[in-house]
């Protein structure tokens, strides 16, 4: 039995895409192991739906420094590949610049390692509070040390190396011990680890891009880190036998910018049959929040976090006096505070409902008694402009019409299948007007049986599963894989026997 090892740098239990893909590959007869990070103190192993999930123990604060040499080794490996790639492509200035950064960074780090080790100890020293609780001024020495450390940490790519490689350093030994036949790296932060395992074991590497990684709004990515993110992706996609991504727009971007075989698109779609959802067997949203069927209800499904248009959605309630709004999903505390503050400011706290996440397999049924699903993701980066989120198909296949932001994949879908309305995601009034228009016309905006069958035929999990399994079959039938090439046959990665 062929063994597949997937890498994912987050908790597998809240990643429906990873669960669906891993289960599909396991159902097809492969031995599937997922190495993930639940940020827990100890290693755990769980068997679920035929997939073995290995949850890595989190590093303790001191371990981050102790493991820094390993992180830098991974970084040097990718940097060397980037230099070689630039040189081969006759981009000599790029190759020279990367090589200079690599060598200079290593020399600086070696020379100033004592400072890097010493600074965290200083940072742990707490200044005694004054009797008046006034903030004590920072000493000149502390400011100098912090400035030097920050300069070294950012300018010589230590923070970038840590961000892009720490999961790989943690996961690679376990992945190697499992003796995989193929390594499947979910998201860029796992790709260097996948590359290390693939190169060491001479096995194929698959890159699964859940986002347009070089154009995200991730917190904490400074300009130096963003440049390294681009360098890593541009370099390592050339080492992959195949690339998988979530929508057509991102597939086109990766193909056009990196000159690789066009990625296989596996949409984020719920694993449903063609039958309509039922609301009798399990609890639904209205029963969970105690809301009558005659009360207008809009819902947002997904992580309650920044740039999802959630505060704008709350403020929309000022323009729709009878409307209630439910937020279903895991909540980031700061975003939750912003939502509650906005609700208090306009006096609608009794009309918003914060609901804990439900299992991904139950989302469609759970939200099926809402009147409208709102996807007001803000157009703050190209990755968001291209997004095709789970919640779109989860809502439409639950017979819930949608209000969507002016984002290309969402606009195209709504225009094609007539399942909702596009609204200005930055305007609470526009969101409110769109919601109330959808509710007033929800019968005509719900997909007919023919439209739903067309959606399921194109986007349903049966179709997406087949594309994924065909990719695996091509890899293993070939017997040997090589990186994707521009001149490969259309529709599949370049594979040689």
Protein backbone atom coordinates (compact mmCIF):
# COMPACT_ATOMS: atom_id res chain seq x y z
CA UNK A 1 0.00 0.00 0.00
CA UNK A 2 1.36 3.38 -1.01
CA UNK A 3 1.88 5.78 1.89
CA UNK A 4 1.00 9.47 1.69
CA UNK A 5 2.21 11.97 4.28
CA UNK A 6 0.45 15.33 4.40
CA UNK A 7 1.84 18.34 6.24
CA UNK A 8 -0.42 21.04 7.69
CA UNK A 9 0.76 23.69 10.15
CA UNK A 10 -2.51 24.00 12.04
CA UNK A 11 -5.12 21.96 13.89
CA UNK A 12 -6.53 19.40 11.47
CA UNK A 13 -9.87 19.35 13.31
CA UNK A 14 -10.78 22.83 12.03
CA UNK A 15 -9.39 22.42 8.52
CA UNK A 16 -12.21 20.95 6.45
CA UNK A 17 -10.14 20.99 3.25
CA UNK A 18 -7.40 18.84 4.78
CA UNK A 19 -9.96 16.44 6.27
CA UNK A 20 -11.76 16.02 2.94
CA UNK A 21 -8.60 15.50 0.92
CA UNK A 22 -6.98 13.13 3.42
CA UNK A 23 -10.16 11.06 3.75
CA UNK A 24 -10.59 10.89 -0.02
CA UNK A 25 -7.04 9.66 -0.55
CA UNK A 26 -7.42 7.13 2.28
CA UNK A 27 -10.73 5.86 0.84
CA UNK A 28 -8.93 5.28 -2.46
CA UNK A 29 -6.67 2.74 -0.78
CA UNK A 30 -3.66 4.80 0.26
CA UNK A 31 -2.15 4.76 3.75
CA UNK A 32 -2.56 8.42 4.74
CA UNK A 33 -0.79 10.18 7.60
CA UNK A 34 -1.28 13.87 8.41
CA UNK A 35 1.35 15.67 10.48
CA UNK A 36 -0.18 18.77 12.02
CA UNK A 37 0.15 21.32 14.81
CA UNK A 38 -2.51 21.61 17.52
CA UNK A 39 -0.24 23.79 19.71
CA UNK A 40 -0.41 21.24 22.51
CA UNK A 41 2.33 20.33 24.97
CA UNK A 42 2.62 16.66 24.03
CA UNK A 43 2.58 14.53 20.92
CA UNK A 44 -0.72 12.80 20.20
CA UNK A 45 -1.88 10.42 17.48
CA UNK A 46 -5.50 10.07 16.37
CA UNK A 47 -7.10 7.69 13.86
CA UNK A 48 -10.13 9.25 12.16
CA UNK A 49 -11.97 8.05 9.05
CA UNK A 50 -9.04 5.90 7.99
CA UNK A 51 -6.48 8.70 8.36
CA UNK A 52 -3.79 8.83 11.04
CA UNK A 53 -3.29 12.34 12.41
CA UNK A 54 0.00 13.05 14.17
CA UNK A 55 -0.18 16.19 16.32
CA UNK A 56 3.27 17.61 17.01
CA UNK A 57 4.19 18.95 20.43
CA UNK A 58 4.67 22.70 20.54
CA UNK A 59 8.15 24.05 21.07
CA UNK A 60 8.80 25.63 24.42
CA UNK A 61 10.14 29.23 24.28
CA UNK A 62 13.73 28.13 24.84
CA UNK A 63 13.47 25.49 22.12
CA UNK A 64 12.92 28.15 19.45
CA UNK A 65 16.49 29.34 20.03
CA UNK A 66 17.90 25.86 20.49
CA UNK A 67 16.39 24.83 17.15
CA UNK A 68 17.57 27.95 15.36
CA UNK A 69 20.53 26.14 13.70
CA UNK A 70 18.13 23.60 12.20
CA UNK A 71 15.85 26.37 10.97
CA UNK A 72 18.81 28.14 9.35
CA UNK A 73 19.95 24.91 7.68
CA UNK A 74 16.52 24.57 6.08
CA UNK A 75 16.70 28.22 5.06
CA UNK A 76 20.14 27.80 3.51
CA UNK A 77 18.95 24.76 1.56
CA UNK A 78 16.11 26.73 -0.03
CA UNK A 79 18.31 29.80 -0.51
CA UNK A 80 20.91 27.73 -2.34
CA UNK A 81 18.19 26.30 -4.58
CA UNK A 82 16.96 29.84 -5.27
CA UNK A 83 20.49 30.97 -6.20
CA UNK A 84 20.93 27.99 -8.52
CA UNK A 85 17.54 28.60 -10.11
CA UNK A 86 18.25 32.29 -10.68
CA UNK A 87 21.68 31.48 -12.14
CA UNK A 88 20.22 28.85 -14.45
CA UNK A 89 17.62 31.34 -15.64
CA UNK A 90 20.41 33.82 -16.42
CA UNK A 91 19.16 36.21 -13.76
CA UNK A 92 22.71 36.74 -12.61
CA UNK A 93 22.05 39.86 -10.56
CA UNK A 94 19.29 38.09 -8.64
CA UNK A 95 21.50 35.08 -8.04
CA UNK A 96 24.36 37.27 -6.80
CA UNK A 97 22.07 39.23 -4.48
CA UNK A 98 20.55 36.09 -2.98
CA UNK A 99 23.97 34.52 -2.52
CA UNK A 100 25.30 37.68 -0.84
CA UNK A 101 22.31 37.82 1.51
CA UNK A 102 22.70 34.15 2.34
CA UNK A 103 26.41 34.31 3.12
CA UNK A 104 26.23 37.66 4.92
CA UNK A 105 23.28 36.54 6.99
CA UNK A 106 25.02 33.37 8.12
CA UNK A 107 28.22 35.20 9.06
CA UNK A 108 26.34 37.88 10.99
CA UNK A 109 24.26 35.32 12.86
CA UNK A 110 27.35 33.26 13.76
CA UNK A 111 29.16 36.35 15.00
CA UNK A 112 26.25 37.67 17.06
CA UNK A 113 24.70 34.42 18.30
CA UNK A 114 25.58 35.31 21.92
CA UNK A 115 23.51 38.48 21.58
CA UNK A 116 20.59 36.61 20.09
CA UNK A 117 20.69 34.16 22.99
CA UNK A 118 21.20 36.87 25.60
CA UNK A 119 18.41 39.20 24.50
CA UNK A 120 15.49 36.89 25.34
CA UNK A 121 16.83 36.63 28.89
CA UNK A 122 16.81 40.42 29.14
CA UNK A 123 13.31 40.53 27.70
CA UNK A 124 12.12 38.22 30.48
CA UNK A 125 13.38 40.57 33.17
CA UNK A 126 10.42 42.57 34.42
CA UNK A 127 10.84 46.14 35.56
CA UNK A 128 9.36 46.76 39.00
CA UNK A 129 6.14 48.77 38.87
CA UNK A 130 6.27 52.20 40.38
CA UNK A 131 3.93 53.06 43.27
CA UNK A 132 1.88 55.20 40.89
CA UNK A 133 1.70 52.38 38.31
CA UNK A 134 3.39 54.69 35.81
CA UNK A 135 5.24 53.03 32.95
CA UNK A 136 8.96 53.01 33.64
CA UNK A 137 11.21 54.39 30.91
CA UNK A 138 13.16 51.79 29.01
CA UNK A 139 16.88 51.86 29.67
CA UNK A 140 19.25 52.89 26.93
CA UNK A 141 20.98 49.48 27.07
CA UNK A 142 17.70 47.62 26.63
CA UNK A 143 16.68 49.84 23.74
CA UNK A 144 20.06 49.38 22.08
CA UNK A 145 19.97 45.60 22.47
CA UNK A 146 16.40 45.42 21.24
CA UNK A 147 17.25 47.58 18.22
CA UNK A 148 20.28 45.46 17.32
CA UNK A 149 18.32 42.25 17.72
CA UNK A 150 15.42 43.59 15.63
CA UNK A 151 17.82 44.72 12.89
CA UNK A 152 19.53 41.32 12.79
CA UNK A 153 16.28 39.37 13.14
CA UNK A 154 14.57 41.19 10.25
CA UNK A 155 17.35 42.36 7.96
CA UNK A 156 19.16 39.03 7.79
CA UNK A 157 16.02 36.93 7.37
CA UNK A 158 16.08 35.12 10.70
CA UNK A 159 12.40 35.90 11.26
CA UNK A 160 11.66 34.80 7.69
CA UNK A 161 13.66 31.61 8.15
CA UNK A 162 11.80 30.86 11.37
CA UNK A 163 8.37 31.61 9.88
CA UNK A 164 8.93 29.51 6.77
CA UNK A 165 10.88 26.61 8.26
CA UNK A 166 10.07 26.01 11.92
CA UNK A 167 7.19 23.64 11.11
CA UNK A 168 9.37 21.79 8.62
CA UNK A 169 12.12 21.33 11.20
CA UNK A 170 9.57 19.91 13.62
CA UNK A 171 7.77 17.70 11.11
CA UNK A 172 10.58 16.35 8.89
CA UNK A 173 12.01 13.72 11.30
CA UNK A 174 8.57 12.18 11.86
CA UNK A 175 7.74 12.36 8.16
CA UNK A 176 10.98 10.58 7.27
CA UNK A 177 10.35 7.91 9.87
CA UNK A 178 7.01 7.13 8.23
CA UNK A 179 8.81 6.30 4.96
CA UNK A 180 6.31 8.00 2.64
CA UNK A 181 5.91 7.39 -1.07
CA UNK A 182 4.68 10.95 -1.64
CA UNK A 183 4.66 14.11 0.47
CA UNK A 184 1.74 16.56 0.25
CA UNK A 185 2.46 20.01 1.70
CA UNK A 186 -0.55 22.17 2.60
CA UNK A 187 0.31 25.90 2.52
CA UNK A 188 3.69 27.51 2.02
CA UNK A 189 4.88 27.23 5.63
CA UNK A 190 5.05 23.44 5.23
CA UNK A 191 6.64 23.44 1.78
CA UNK A 192 10.31 23.64 2.80
CA UNK A 193 9.78 20.69 5.15
CA UNK A 194 8.09 18.78 2.35
CA UNK A 195 10.95 19.63 0.03
CA UNK A 196 13.52 18.38 2.56
CA UNK A 197 11.69 15.07 2.97
CA UNK A 198 11.08 14.67 -0.76
CA UNK A 199 14.71 15.36 -1.61
CA UNK A 200 16.08 13.09 1.11
CA UNK A 201 13.75 10.21 0.19
CA UNK A 202 13.67 10.83 -3.60
CA UNK A 203 9.87 10.94 -3.61
CA UNK A 204 7.33 13.24 -5.33
CA UNK A 205 6.28 16.50 -3.66
CA UNK A 206 2.80 18.04 -4.02
CA UNK A 207 2.12 21.66 -3.05
CA UNK A 208 -1.43 22.52 -1.99
CA UNK A 209 -1.84 26.32 -2.07
CA UNK A 210 -4.84 27.27 0.06
CA UNK A 211 -4.17 30.99 -0.52
CA UNK A 212 -2.31 33.22 -2.91
CA UNK A 213 0.58 33.23 -0.46
CA UNK A 214 2.51 36.17 -1.88
CA UNK A 215 -0.52 38.47 -1.67
CA UNK A 216 -2.13 37.84 1.69
CA UNK A 217 -2.92 40.11 4.63
CA UNK A 218 -1.25 37.88 7.22
CA UNK A 219 -0.44 39.65 10.47
CA UNK A 220 3.22 40.29 11.19
CA UNK A 221 4.66 39.88 7.70
CA UNK A 222 7.10 42.75 7.20
CA UNK A 223 8.47 43.63 3.73
CA UNK A 224 11.60 41.49 4.20
CA UNK A 225 9.47 38.46 5.11
CA UNK A 226 7.16 39.02 2.14
CA UNK A 227 10.14 39.00 -0.21
CA UNK A 228 11.31 35.69 1.25
CA UNK A 229 7.79 34.26 0.98
CA UNK A 230 7.91 35.03 -2.74
CA UNK A 231 11.43 33.59 -3.05
CA UNK A 232 10.45 30.36 -1.32
CA UNK A 233 7.32 29.83 -3.39
CA UNK A 234 8.96 30.75 -6.69
CA UNK A 235 11.83 28.36 -5.92
CA UNK A 236 10.01 25.40 -4.44
CA UNK A 237 7.11 25.17 -6.90
CA UNK A 238 9.74 24.18 -9.45
CA UNK A 239 10.63 21.22 -7.22
CA UNK A 240 7.04 19.97 -7.05
CA UNK A 241 5.62 17.21 -9.20
CA UNK A 242 2.23 18.95 -9.06
CA UNK A 243 0.47 21.94 -7.56
CA UNK A 244 -3.07 21.96 -6.22
CA UNK A 245 -5.04 25.09 -5.40
CA UNK A 246 -8.54 26.27 -4.49
CA UNK A 247 -9.84 28.27 -7.46
CA UNK A 248 -9.30 29.12 -11.11
CA UNK A 249 -7.98 32.65 -10.50
CA UNK A 250 -5.17 31.49 -8.21
CA UNK A 251 -4.36 28.63 -10.60
CA UNK A 252 -4.01 31.13 -13.45
CA UNK A 253 -1.84 33.44 -11.35
CA UNK A 254 0.56 30.67 -10.30
CA UNK A 255 0.76 29.38 -13.88
CA UNK A 256 1.40 32.83 -15.38
CA UNK A 257 3.86 34.09 -12.78
CA UNK A 258 5.93 30.97 -12.07
CA UNK A 259 5.72 29.36 -15.52
CA UNK A 260 4.74 25.97 -14.16
CA UNK A 261 2.11 23.55 -15.36
CA UNK A 262 -1.29 24.99 -14.47
CA UNK A 263 -2.27 23.78 -10.99
CA UNK A 264 -5.08 21.30 -10.48
CA UNK A 265 -8.06 23.14 -8.98
CA UNK A 266 -9.74 21.30 -6.09
CA UNK A 267 -12.51 23.60 -4.91
CA UNK A 268 -13.48 24.03 -1.28
CA UNK A 269 -16.83 22.28 -1.36
CA UNK A 270 -18.85 20.36 1.22
CA UNK A 271 -19.10 16.61 0.88
CA UNK A 272 -22.83 16.35 0.12
CA UNK A 273 -25.15 14.16 -1.83
CA UNK A 274 -27.56 15.75 -4.29
CA UNK A 275 -30.44 15.46 -1.84
CA UNK A 276 -31.65 18.64 -0.18
CA UNK A 277 -30.59 19.20 3.43
CA UNK A 278 -33.01 18.20 6.15
CA UNK A 279 -33.59 20.18 9.32
CA UNK A 280 -35.38 17.62 11.46
CA UNK A 281 -32.66 15.23 12.58
CA UNK A 282 -30.22 17.72 14.08
CA UNK A 283 -30.21 21.16 15.62
CA UNK A 284 -30.26 24.06 13.20
CA UNK A 285 -29.21 27.67 13.60
CA UNK A 286 -32.61 29.01 14.62
CA UNK A 287 -33.07 26.38 17.29
CA UNK A 288 -29.55 27.02 18.59
CA UNK A 289 -30.22 30.75 19.10
CA UNK A 290 -33.89 30.44 19.96
CA UNK A 291 -35.21 32.47 17.05
CA UNK A 292 -38.64 32.02 15.48
CA UNK A 293 -39.07 31.13 11.83
CA UNK A 294 -40.79 34.44 11.06
CA UNK A 295 -37.82 36.59 12.15
CA UNK A 296 -35.44 37.62 9.29
CA UNK A 297 -32.04 36.01 9.86
CA UNK A 298 -28.72 36.51 8.07
CA UNK A 299 -25.70 34.33 8.81
CA UNK A 300 -21.95 34.52 8.43
CA UNK A 301 -20.10 31.17 8.44
CA UNK A 302 -16.38 30.87 9.10
CA UNK A 303 -13.60 32.26 11.26
CA UNK A 304 -14.60 35.43 13.06
CA UNK A 305 -11.49 37.41 12.26
CA UNK A 306 -10.25 40.56 10.55
CA UNK A 307 -11.17 41.76 7.06
CA UNK A 308 -14.22 39.51 6.72
CA UNK A 309 -16.61 42.48 6.75
CA UNK A 310 -18.03 41.47 10.13
CA UNK A 311 -18.13 44.90 11.74
CA UNK A 312 -19.66 46.26 8.52
CA UNK A 313 -22.28 43.50 8.74
CA UNK A 314 -23.12 44.44 12.32
CA UNK A 315 -23.46 48.10 11.36
CA UNK A 316 -25.79 47.04 8.54
CA UNK A 317 -28.39 46.20 11.22
CA UNK A 318 -28.91 49.94 11.74
CA UNK A 319 -30.47 50.01 8.23
CA UNK A 320 -32.56 46.84 8.70
CA UNK A 321 -34.53 47.21 11.97
CA UNK A 322 -36.08 43.72 11.99
CA UNK A 323 -32.99 41.77 10.93
CA UNK A 324 -31.00 39.41 13.18
CA UNK A 325 -27.43 38.37 12.34
CA UNK A 326 -25.62 35.18 13.46
CA UNK A 327 -21.88 34.55 13.30
CA UNK A 328 -21.09 30.82 13.22
CA UNK A 329 -17.47 29.77 13.63
CA UNK A 330 -14.33 30.01 15.76
CA UNK A 331 -13.81 33.52 17.11
CA UNK A 332 -10.66 35.59 17.51
CA UNK A 333 -11.04 37.56 20.69
CA UNK A 334 -10.08 40.94 19.23
CA UNK A 335 -12.55 40.62 16.36
CA UNK A 336 -15.26 39.49 18.76
CA UNK A 337 -14.62 42.61 20.86
CA UNK A 338 -14.91 44.78 17.74
CA UNK A 339 -18.23 43.16 16.82
CA UNK A 340 -19.68 43.64 20.31
CA UNK A 341 -18.43 47.23 20.46
CA UNK A 342 -20.05 48.05 17.11
CA UNK A 343 -23.30 46.42 18.27
CA UNK A 344 -23.32 48.47 21.48
CA UNK A 345 -22.68 51.69 19.60
CA UNK A 346 -25.80 51.30 17.47
CA UNK A 347 -27.89 49.47 20.05
CA UNK A 348 -28.32 46.10 18.34
CA UNK A 349 -26.73 43.71 20.83
CA UNK A 350 -30.03 41.84 21.10
CA UNK A 351 -29.99 41.18 17.35
CA UNK A 352 -26.53 39.61 16.98
CA UNK A 353 -25.75 36.02 17.89
CA UNK A 354 -22.27 34.55 18.33
CA UNK A 355 -22.46 30.79 17.76
CA UNK A 356 -19.64 28.31 18.26
CA UNK A 357 -18.34 26.38 15.28
CA UNK A 358 -20.07 23.16 14.29
CA UNK A 359 -18.31 20.21 12.60
CA UNK A 360 -17.65 20.92 8.94
CA UNK A 361 -19.83 17.99 7.87
CA UNK A 362 -22.82 19.60 9.62
CA UNK A 363 -22.44 23.23 8.50
CA UNK A 364 -24.76 23.02 5.49
CA UNK A 365 -27.58 21.44 7.44
CA UNK A 366 -27.03 23.73 10.42
CA UNK A 367 -27.42 27.00 8.46
CA UNK A 368 -30.21 25.75 6.19
CA UNK A 369 -32.95 27.67 8.05
CA UNK A 370 -31.25 31.07 7.68
CA UNK A 371 -32.74 33.49 5.16
CA UNK A 372 -29.48 34.81 3.75
CA UNK A 373 -25.75 34.08 3.96
CA UNK A 374 -23.40 37.07 3.91
CA UNK A 375 -19.87 36.87 2.49
CA UNK A 376 -18.56 40.42 2.86
CA UNK A 377 -14.83 39.62 2.70
CA UNK A 378 -12.94 42.89 2.25
CA UNK A 379 -10.87 43.40 -0.89
CA UNK A 380 -7.64 44.16 0.98
CA UNK A 381 -5.30 41.84 -0.92
CA UNK A 382 -5.16 39.86 -4.14
CA UNK A 383 -5.61 36.57 -2.28
CA UNK A 384 -8.96 37.79 -0.99
CA UNK A 385 -9.96 39.17 -4.39
CA UNK A 386 -9.40 35.68 -5.83
CA UNK A 387 -10.95 33.74 -2.92
CA UNK A 388 -13.55 30.99 -3.31
CA UNK A 389 -14.41 30.14 0.32
CA UNK A 390 -16.11 27.07 1.77
CA UNK A 391 -19.05 29.16 2.93
CA UNK A 392 -20.21 29.97 -0.61
CA UNK A 393 -21.06 26.40 -1.60
CA UNK A 394 -22.08 25.44 1.94
CA UNK A 395 -24.71 28.18 1.80
CA UNK A 396 -25.97 27.67 -1.75
CA UNK A 397 -26.25 23.90 -1.36
CA UNK A 398 -28.24 24.53 1.83
CA UNK A 399 -30.74 26.50 -0.30
CA UNK A 400 -29.66 29.73 1.38
CA UNK A 401 -29.19 32.62 -1.11
CA UNK A 402 -26.11 34.77 -0.65
CA UNK A 403 -24.95 38.37 -0.48
CA UNK A 404 -21.36 38.46 -1.72
CA UNK A 405 -18.59 41.02 -1.90
CA UNK A 406 -17.27 42.42 -5.17
CA UNK A 407 -14.66 39.69 -5.53
CA UNK A 408 -14.07 38.10 -8.90
CA UNK A 409 -14.77 34.42 -8.12
CA UNK A 410 -17.85 35.27 -6.03
CA UNK A 411 -19.23 37.70 -8.61
CA UNK A 412 -18.76 35.17 -11.41
CA UNK A 413 -20.49 32.42 -9.45
CA UNK A 414 -23.52 34.53 -8.48
CA UNK A 415 -23.88 35.92 -12.01
CA UNK A 416 -23.69 32.47 -13.53
CA UNK A 417 -26.09 30.63 -11.21
CA UNK A 418 -28.33 33.52 -10.02
CA UNK A 419 -28.09 32.48 -6.38
CA UNK A 420 -27.66 35.89 -4.75
CA UNK A 421 -26.69 39.54 -4.99
CA UNK A 422 -23.37 41.37 -5.17
CA UNK A 423 -23.00 44.28 -2.73
CA UNK A 424 -20.42 46.91 -1.84
CA UNK A 425 -18.67 45.09 1.00
CA UNK A 426 -17.36 48.35 2.49
CA UNK A 427 -20.81 49.92 2.97
CA UNK A 428 -23.08 48.78 5.85
CA UNK A 429 -26.07 50.37 4.13
CA UNK A 430 -25.36 48.54 0.87
CA UNK A 431 -24.99 45.24 2.77
CA UNK A 432 -28.30 45.84 4.57
CA UNK A 433 -30.13 46.69 1.35
CA UNK A 434 -28.74 43.60 -0.36
CA UNK A 435 -29.72 41.34 2.55
CA UNK A 436 -33.27 42.64 2.65
CA UNK A 437 -33.56 42.36 -1.14
CA UNK A 438 -32.39 38.75 -0.98
CA UNK A 439 -34.85 37.94 1.81
CA UNK A 440 -37.70 39.56 -0.12
CA UNK A 441 -36.79 37.49 -3.20
CA UNK A 442 -35.34 34.39 -1.57
CA UNK A 443 -37.67 31.97 -3.34
CA UNK A 444 -36.47 33.11 -6.76
CA UNK A 445 -32.83 33.21 -5.64
CA UNK A 446 -32.79 29.71 -4.21
CA UNK A 447 -31.26 27.33 -6.75
CA UNK A 448 -33.70 25.19 -8.69
CA UNK A 449 -33.11 21.46 -8.83
CA UNK A 450 -31.53 21.84 -12.27
CA UNK A 451 -29.20 24.62 -11.12
CA UNK A 452 -28.24 22.72 -7.99
CA UNK A 453 -27.46 19.64 -10.07
CA UNK A 454 -25.29 21.77 -12.36
CA UNK A 455 -23.45 23.24 -9.36
CA UNK A 456 -22.91 19.82 -7.84
CA UNK A 457 -21.75 18.36 -11.15
CA UNK A 458 -19.08 21.05 -11.52
CA UNK A 459 -18.18 21.95 -7.94
CA UNK A 460 -19.42 19.00 -5.89
CA UNK A 461 -17.03 16.92 -3.88
CA UNK A 462 -17.42 13.89 -6.17
CA UNK A 463 -15.93 15.95 -9.00
CA UNK A 464 -13.22 17.52 -6.84
CA UNK A 465 -12.33 14.14 -5.35
CA UNK A 466 -11.88 12.64 -8.80
CA UNK A 467 -9.47 15.41 -9.82
CA UNK A 468 -7.39 14.83 -6.70
CA UNK A 469 -7.32 11.05 -7.08
CA UNK A 470 -6.50 11.30 -10.79
CA UNK A 471 -3.51 13.41 -9.81
CA UNK A 472 -2.31 10.76 -7.35
CA UNK A 473 -2.90 7.99 -9.88
CA UNK A 474 -0.80 9.83 -12.48
CA UNK A 475 2.03 10.24 -9.99
CA UNK A 476 2.13 6.61 -8.93
CA UNK A 477 1.47 5.09 -12.37
CA UNK A 478 4.43 7.00 -13.78
CA UNK A 479 6.79 5.37 -11.32
CA UNK A 480 8.95 8.48 -11.17
CA UNK A 481 8.05 12.14 -10.98
CA UNK A 482 9.72 15.37 -11.94
CA UNK A 483 8.78 19.00 -11.32
CA UNK A 484 5.92 20.55 -13.24
CA UNK A 485 6.96 22.06 -16.58
CA UNK A 486 5.35 24.58 -18.86
CA UNK A 487 5.48 22.15 -21.78
CA UNK A 488 3.74 19.28 -20.00
CA UNK A 489 0.58 17.86 -21.53
CA UNK A 490 -2.48 19.97 -20.78
CA UNK A 491 -4.38 19.03 -17.63
CA UNK A 492 -1.67 17.07 -15.79
CA UNK A 493 1.71 17.58 -14.22
CA UNK A 494 4.81 16.69 -16.20
CA UNK A 495 5.60 13.10 -15.24
CA UNK A 496 8.21 10.81 -16.71
CA UNK A 497 8.44 7.04 -16.34
